[in-house]
C-alpha atoms as a PDB file:
ATOM      1  CA  UNK A   1     146.679 152.872  78.253  1.00  0.00           C
ATOM      2  CA  UNK A   2     145.080 149.455  78.676  1.00  0.00           C
ATOM      3  CA  UNK A   3     141.432 148.948  77.733  1.00  0.00           C
ATOM      4  CA  UNK A   4     139.999 148.301  81.199  1.00  0.00           C
ATOM      5  CA  UNK A   5     136.483 147.774  79.823  1.00  0.00           C
ATOM      6  CA  UNK A   6     137.232 144.694  77.735  1.00  0.00           C
ATOM      7  CA  UNK A   7     136.180 141.336  79.245  1.00  0.00           C
ATOM      8  CA  UNK A   8     139.001 138.868  79.836  1.00  0.00           C
ATOM      9  CA  UNK A   9     139.556 135.870  77.609  1.00  0.00           C
ATOM     10  CA  UNK A  10     138.026 132.483  78.328  1.00  0.00           C
ATOM     11  CA  UNK A  11     141.427 131.194  79.424  1.00  0.00           C
ATOM     12  CA  UNK A  12     141.915 134.107  81.837  1.00  0.00           C
ATOM     13  CA  UNK A  13     138.449 133.584  83.331  1.00  0.00           C
ATOM     14  CA  UNK A  14     139.189 129.889  83.840  1.00  0.00           C
ATOM     15  CA  UNK A  15     142.526 130.627  85.515  1.00  0.00           C
ATOM     16  CA  UNK A  16     140.955 133.147  87.876  1.00  0.00           C
ATOM     17  CA  UNK A  17     138.077 130.795  88.725  1.00  0.00           C
ATOM     18  CA  UNK A  18     140.386 127.887  89.559  1.00  0.00           C
ATOM     19  CA  UNK A  19     142.646 130.148  91.627  1.00  0.00           C
ATOM     20  CA  UNK A  20     139.692 131.480  93.616  1.00  0.00           C
ATOM     21  CA  UNK A  21     138.623 127.942  94.454  1.00  0.00           C
ATOM     22  CA  UNK A  22     142.152 127.085  95.565  1.00  0.00           C
ATOM     23  CA  UNK A  23     142.003 130.140  97.836  1.00  0.00           C
ATOM     24  CA  UNK A  24     138.849 128.969  99.604  1.00  0.00           C
ATOM     25  CA  UNK A  25     136.421 131.143  97.621  1.00  0.00           C
ATOM     26  CA  UNK A  26     133.489 129.481  95.895  1.00  0.00           C
ATOM     27  CA  UNK A  27     132.887 130.365  92.247  1.00  0.00           C
ATOM     28  CA  UNK A  28     129.700 130.401  90.203  1.00  0.00           C
ATOM     29  CA  UNK A  29     130.034 131.228  86.498  1.00  0.00           C
ATOM     30  CA  UNK A  30     127.306 133.258  84.777  1.00  0.00           C
ATOM     31  CA  UNK A  31     126.946 134.071  81.099  1.00  0.00           C
ATOM     32  CA  UNK A  32     125.329 137.471  81.618  1.00  0.00           C
ATOM     33  CA  UNK A  33     123.786 139.887  84.114  1.00  0.00           C
ATOM     34  CA  UNK A  34     120.405 138.163  84.117  1.00  0.00           C
ATOM     35  CA  UNK A  35     121.916 134.788  84.956  1.00  0.00           C
ATOM     36  CA  UNK A  36     124.105 136.368  87.635  1.00  0.00           C
ATOM     37  CA  UNK A  37     121.027 137.912  89.254  1.00  0.00           C
ATOM     38  CA  UNK A  38     119.229 134.581  89.393  1.00  0.00           C
ATOM     39  CA  UNK A  39     122.268 132.799  90.820  1.00  0.00           C
ATOM     40  CA  UNK A  40     122.640 135.330  93.638  1.00  0.00           C
ATOM     41  CA  UNK A  41     118.944 135.304  94.506  1.00  0.00           C
ATOM     42  CA  UNK A  42     119.055 131.503  94.659  1.00  0.00           C
ATOM     43  CA  UNK A  43     121.716 131.782  97.385  1.00  0.00           C
ATOM     44  CA  UNK A  44     119.532 133.928  99.643  1.00  0.00           C
ATOM     45  CA  UNK A  45     116.959 132.267 101.929  1.00  0.00           C
ATOM     46  CA  UNK A  46     113.560 133.956 102.064  1.00  0.00           C
ATOM     47  CA  UNK A  47     113.587 136.737 104.637  1.00  0.00           C
ATOM     48  CA  UNK A  48     117.375 136.669 105.038  1.00  0.00           C
ATOM     49  CA  UNK A  49     119.202 139.683 106.463  1.00  0.00           C
ATOM     50  CA  UNK A  50     121.043 141.175 103.477  1.00  0.00           C
ATOM     51  CA  UNK A  51     123.179 144.277 103.010  1.00  0.00           C
ATOM     52  CA  UNK A  52     123.684 145.440  99.431  1.00  0.00           C
ATOM     53  CA  UNK A  53     126.788 147.583  99.189  1.00  0.00           C
ATOM     54  CA  UNK A  54     126.796 150.668  96.987  1.00  0.00           C
ATOM     55  CA  UNK A  55     127.673 149.108  93.647  1.00  0.00           C
ATOM     56  CA  UNK A  56     127.161 149.966  89.995  1.00  0.00           C
ATOM     57  CA  UNK A  57     127.299 146.231  89.312  1.00  0.00           C
ATOM     58  CA  UNK A  58     124.383 145.515  91.663  1.00  0.00           C
ATOM     59  CA  UNK A  59     122.401 148.264  89.970  1.00  0.00           C
ATOM     60  CA  UNK A  60     123.213 146.919  86.491  1.00  0.00           C
ATOM     61  CA  UNK A  61     122.126 143.384  87.378  1.00  0.00           C
ATOM     62  CA  UNK A  62     118.929 144.532  89.084  1.00  0.00           C
ATOM     63  CA  UNK A  63     120.033 142.912  92.348  1.00  0.00           C
ATOM     64  CA  UNK A  64     119.947 146.124  94.367  1.00  0.00           C
ATOM     65  CA  UNK A  65     116.329 146.685  93.390  1.00  0.00           C
ATOM     66  CA  UNK A  66     115.155 143.126  93.920  1.00  0.00           C
ATOM     67  CA  UNK A  67     116.914 142.559  97.248  1.00  0.00           C
ATOM     68  CA  UNK A  68     115.791 145.874  98.707  1.00  0.00           C
ATOM     69  CA  UNK A  69     112.191 145.507  97.545  1.00  0.00           C
ATOM     70  CA  UNK A  70     110.100 145.682 100.743  1.00  0.00           C
ATOM     71  CA  UNK A  71     108.984 142.327 102.076  1.00  0.00           C
ATOM     72  CA  UNK A  72     111.384 140.024 100.241  1.00  0.00           C
ATOM     73  CA  UNK A  73     114.349 140.159 102.617  1.00  0.00           C
ATOM     74  CA  UNK A  74     115.426 141.890 105.800  1.00  0.00           C
ATOM     75  CA  UNK A  75     117.158 144.720 103.944  1.00  0.00           C
ATOM     76  CA  UNK A  76     119.902 146.452 105.932  1.00  0.00           C
ATOM     77  CA  UNK A  77     119.933 149.161 103.262  1.00  0.00           C
ATOM     78  CA  UNK A  78     116.261 149.949 103.872  1.00  0.00           C
ATOM     79  CA  UNK A  79     116.770 150.002 107.635  1.00  0.00           C
ATOM     80  CA  UNK A  80     119.694 152.402 107.288  1.00  0.00           C
ATOM     81  CA  UNK A  81     117.688 154.692 105.016  1.00  0.00           C
ATOM     82  CA  UNK A  82     115.046 155.017 107.742  1.00  0.00           C
ATOM     83  CA  UNK A  83     117.578 156.093 110.389  1.00  0.00           C
ATOM     84  CA  UNK A  84     118.906 159.551 111.256  1.00  0.00           C
ATOM     85  CA  UNK A  85     122.711 159.770 110.874  1.00  0.00           C
ATOM     86  CA  UNK A  86     122.774 162.833 113.124  1.00  0.00           C
ATOM     87  CA  UNK A  87     121.366 160.946 116.114  1.00  0.00           C
ATOM     88  CA  UNK A  88     121.854 157.262 115.229  1.00  0.00           C
ATOM     89  CA  UNK A  89     125.316 157.206 113.676  1.00  0.00           C
ATOM     90  CA  UNK A  90     126.720 154.638 116.109  1.00  0.00           C
ATOM     91  CA  UNK A  91     123.750 152.311 115.657  1.00  0.00           C
ATOM     92  CA  UNK A  92     124.075 152.643 111.877  1.00  0.00           C
ATOM     93  CA  UNK A  93     127.757 151.692 111.970  1.00  0.00           C
ATOM     94  CA  UNK A  94     126.995 148.611 114.063  1.00  0.00           C
ATOM     95  CA  UNK A  95     124.097 147.605 111.823  1.00  0.00           C
ATOM     96  CA  UNK A  96     126.090 147.630 108.601  1.00  0.00           C
ATOM     97  CA  UNK A  97     129.235 146.074 110.077  1.00  0.00           C
ATOM     98  CA  UNK A  98     128.033 142.471 110.493  1.00  0.00           C
ATOM     99  CA  UNK A  99     125.104 141.472 108.260  1.00  0.00           C
ATOM    100  CA  UNK A 100     124.232 137.836 107.666  1.00  0.00           C
ATOM    101  CA  UNK A 101     124.788 138.385 103.923  1.00  0.00           C
ATOM    102  CA  UNK A 102     126.921 141.125 102.349  1.00  0.00           C
ATOM    103  CA  UNK A 103     126.603 141.522  98.586  1.00  0.00           C
ATOM    104  CA  UNK A 104     128.682 143.760  96.362  1.00  0.00           C
ATOM    105  CA  UNK A 105     131.494 143.724  93.839  1.00  0.00           C
ATOM    106  CA  UNK A 106     135.237 144.284  93.594  1.00  0.00           C
ATOM    107  CA  UNK A 107     137.478 146.556  91.547  1.00  0.00           C
ATOM    108  CA  UNK A 108     139.908 143.888  90.386  1.00  0.00           C
ATOM    109  CA  UNK A 109     140.272 140.109  90.411  1.00  0.00           C
ATOM    110  CA  UNK A 110     143.718 138.692  89.777  1.00  0.00           C
ATOM    111  CA  UNK A 111     144.415 135.564  87.779  1.00  0.00           C
ATOM    112  CA  UNK A 112     145.916 134.038  90.921  1.00  0.00           C
ATOM    113  CA  UNK A 113     142.657 134.484  92.820  1.00  0.00           C
ATOM    114  CA  UNK A 114     143.034 137.689  94.838  1.00  0.00           C
ATOM    115  CA  UNK A 115     140.302 140.309  95.131  1.00  0.00           C
ATOM    116  CA  UNK A 116     141.151 144.014  95.284  1.00  0.00           C
ATOM    117  CA  UNK A 117     138.550 146.394  96.741  1.00  0.00           C
ATOM    118  CA  UNK A 118     139.127 150.133  97.118  1.00  0.00           C
ATOM    119  CA  UNK A 119     137.020 152.490  99.222  1.00  0.00           C
ATOM    120  CA  UNK A 120     136.941 156.169 100.098  1.00  0.00           C
ATOM    121  CA  UNK A 121     135.300 155.639 103.513  1.00  0.00           C
ATOM    122  CA  UNK A 122     136.006 151.956 104.133  1.00  0.00           C
ATOM    123  CA  UNK A 123     132.385 151.307 105.090  1.00  0.00           C
ATOM    124  CA  UNK A 124     132.067 148.033 103.194  1.00  0.00           C
ATOM    125  CA  UNK A 125     135.439 146.568 104.134  1.00  0.00           C
ATOM    126  CA  UNK A 126     134.797 145.184 107.678  1.00  0.00           C
ATOM    127  CA  UNK A 127     131.947 142.939 106.568  1.00  0.00           C
ATOM    128  CA  UNK A 128     133.873 141.750 103.512  1.00  0.00           C
ATOM    129  CA  UNK A 129     137.016 140.960 105.469  1.00  0.00           C
ATOM    130  CA  UNK A 130     135.457 139.206 108.445  1.00  0.00           C
ATOM    131  CA  UNK A 131     132.226 140.280 110.059  1.00  0.00           C
ATOM    132  CA  UNK A 132     129.538 139.325 107.511  1.00  0.00           C
ATOM    133  CA  UNK A 133     128.261 135.777 107.837  1.00  0.00           C
ATOM    134  CA  UNK A 134     128.495 135.256 104.088  1.00  0.00           C
ATOM    135  CA  UNK A 135     129.855 137.442 101.298  1.00  0.00           C
ATOM    136  CA  UNK A 136     128.816 137.347  97.646  1.00  0.00           C
ATOM    137  CA  UNK A 137     130.699 139.371  95.053  1.00  0.00           C
ATOM    138  CA  UNK A 138     129.329 139.790  91.515  1.00  0.00           C
ATOM    139  CA  UNK A 139     132.288 140.407  89.226  1.00  0.00           C
ATOM    140  CA  UNK A 140     132.303 141.300  85.542  1.00  0.00           C
ATOM    141  CA  UNK A 141     135.004 139.638  83.433  1.00  0.00           C
ATOM    142  CA  UNK A 142     136.549 142.996  82.515  1.00  0.00           C
ATOM    143  CA  UNK A 143     137.862 143.242  86.092  1.00  0.00           C
ATOM    144  CA  UNK A 144     140.262 140.313  85.730  1.00  0.00           C
ATOM    145  CA  UNK A 145     143.884 141.433  85.831  1.00  0.00           C
ATOM    146  CA  UNK A 146     147.262 139.724  85.823  1.00  0.00           C
ATOM    147  CA  UNK A 147     148.268 140.534  89.400  1.00  0.00           C
ATOM    148  CA  UNK A 148     147.705 142.904  92.337  1.00  0.00           C
ATOM    149  CA  UNK A 149     149.965 145.578  90.842  1.00  0.00           C
ATOM    150  CA  UNK A 150     147.842 145.654  87.699  1.00  0.00           C
ATOM    151  CA  UNK A 151     144.719 145.684  89.878  1.00  0.00           C
ATOM    152  CA  UNK A 152     145.919 148.837  91.629  1.00  0.00           C
ATOM    153  CA  UNK A 153     146.746 150.330  88.250  1.00  0.00           C
ATOM    154  CA  UNK A 154     143.182 149.596  87.132  1.00  0.00           C
ATOM    155  CA  UNK A 155     141.842 151.453  90.171  1.00  0.00           C
ATOM    156  CA  UNK A 156     144.045 154.489  89.531  1.00  0.00           C
ATOM    157  CA  UNK A 157     143.542 154.728  85.781  1.00  0.00           C
ATOM    158  CA  UNK A 158     139.942 153.613  85.404  1.00  0.00           C
ATOM    159  CA  UNK A 159     137.865 153.191  88.540  1.00  0.00           C
ATOM    160  CA  UNK A 160     138.691 156.384  90.406  1.00  0.00           C
ATOM    161  CA  UNK A 161     137.488 158.813  87.747  1.00  0.00           C
ATOM    162  CA  UNK A 162     134.250 156.928  87.192  1.00  0.00           C
ATOM    163  CA  UNK A 163     133.563 156.709  90.924  1.00  0.00           C
ATOM    164  CA  UNK A 164     134.189 160.445  91.296  1.00  0.00           C
ATOM    165  CA  UNK A 165     131.624 161.189  88.580  1.00  0.00           C
ATOM    166  CA  UNK A 166     129.111 158.733  90.080  1.00  0.00           C
ATOM    167  CA  UNK A 167     129.419 160.143  93.589  1.00  0.00           C
ATOM    168  CA  UNK A 168     129.176 163.762  92.450  1.00  0.00           C
ATOM    169  CA  UNK A 169     125.897 162.987  90.687  1.00  0.00           C
ATOM    170  CA  UNK A 170     124.470 160.669  93.366  1.00  0.00           C
ATOM    171  CA  UNK A 171     125.240 162.872  96.368  1.00  0.00           C
ATOM    172  CA  UNK A 172     125.144 166.348  94.846  1.00  0.00           C
ATOM    173  CA  UNK A 173     128.842 166.926  95.490  1.00  0.00           C
ATOM    174  CA  UNK A 174     130.676 169.947  94.004  1.00  0.00           C
ATOM    175  CA  UNK A 175     132.636 169.695  90.768  1.00  0.00           C
ATOM    176  CA  UNK A 176     135.926 170.117  92.606  1.00  0.00           C
ATOM    177  CA  UNK A 177     135.262 167.077  94.821  1.00  0.00           C
ATOM    178  CA  UNK A 178     137.276 163.974  93.991  1.00  0.00           C
ATOM    179  CA  UNK A 179     137.024 160.470  95.358  1.00  0.00           C
ATOM    180  CA  UNK A 180     140.115 158.732  96.702  1.00  0.00           C
ATOM    181  CA  UNK A 181     141.120 155.141  97.364  1.00  0.00           C
ATOM    182  CA  UNK A 182     141.643 155.884 101.053  1.00  0.00           C
ATOM    183  CA  UNK A 183     141.506 152.233 102.080  1.00  0.00           C
ATOM    184  CA  UNK A 184     142.196 149.102 100.063  1.00  0.00           C
ATOM    185  CA  UNK A 185     141.272 145.536 100.985  1.00  0.00           C
ATOM    186  CA  UNK A 186     143.398 142.783  99.473  1.00  0.00           C
ATOM    187  CA  UNK A 187     141.419 139.568  99.919  1.00  0.00           C
ATOM    188  CA  UNK A 188     143.847 136.711  99.269  1.00  0.00           C
ATOM    189  CA  UNK A 189     142.108 133.765 100.883  1.00  0.00           C
ATOM    190  CA  UNK A 190     139.014 132.734 102.857  1.00  0.00           C
ATOM    191  CA  UNK A 191     139.634 130.394 105.773  1.00  0.00           C
ATOM    192  CA  UNK A 192     135.969 129.695 106.617  1.00  0.00           C
ATOM    193  CA  UNK A 193     134.569 127.146 104.136  1.00  0.00           C
ATOM    194  CA  UNK A 194     131.481 128.330 102.282  1.00  0.00           C
ATOM    195  CA  UNK A 195     131.668 131.920 103.543  1.00  0.00           C
ATOM    196  CA  UNK A 196     132.759 133.724 100.359  1.00  0.00           C
ATOM    197  CA  UNK A 197     131.446 133.350  96.812  1.00  0.00           C
ATOM    198  CA  UNK A 198     132.304 135.082  93.553  1.00  0.00           C
ATOM    199  CA  UNK A 199     129.693 135.083  90.793  1.00  0.00           C
ATOM    200  CA  UNK A 200     131.955 135.602  87.776  1.00  0.00           C
ATOM    201  CA  UNK A 201     130.084 137.046  84.808  1.00  0.00           C
ATOM    202  CA  UNK A 202     131.272 136.626  81.237  1.00  0.00           C
ATOM    203  CA  UNK A 203     130.569 140.223  80.245  1.00  0.00           C
ATOM    204  CA  UNK A 204     131.482 143.741  81.351  1.00  0.00           C
ATOM    205  CA  UNK A 205     129.514 144.832  84.408  1.00  0.00           C
ATOM    206  CA  UNK A 206     130.034 147.935  86.540  1.00  0.00           C
ATOM    207  CA  UNK A 207     133.399 149.621  86.498  1.00  0.00           C
END
């Protein structure tokens, strides 16, 4: 089985970065998690409306903590946490569907510049695909793959088990619960200039 945790080579990173640019996606290269955090924060105006998706990568970089710190930005995550899903479910769906900034990660990035994102619920996919004003993905170099087929293989062999373990612990789910890639977004190109950015980090981040 392939080592899905190993960062890609310099040549592979360069190929992926150039392909992303050709596909209308801006690229910012970062040497490590700390530099990635500073680059993302520099893209966010003070007080901006920002939605941080559930992401191990955002936790590892410290972005989830800094963005959702009260007073810095208009945090969609904080607003959702203050709402009651039993009585405000519709309002919550509308709130998270179209933020000004959506920030998260992906599960695979192909060398020809496609992003592969899997989800059990699909909650993050609408804003990524269209409805967020701007999207920023922070992507560790271990997520670079040859093509979409290998990206799906990475999800099956590597991501799914780790996400199951994370969700069981985070949400108190039973040991027999398993996550599933119910919905998959294949992001091949961005047609709106300046909307989508990948911060590509030259180390392993997230899973």
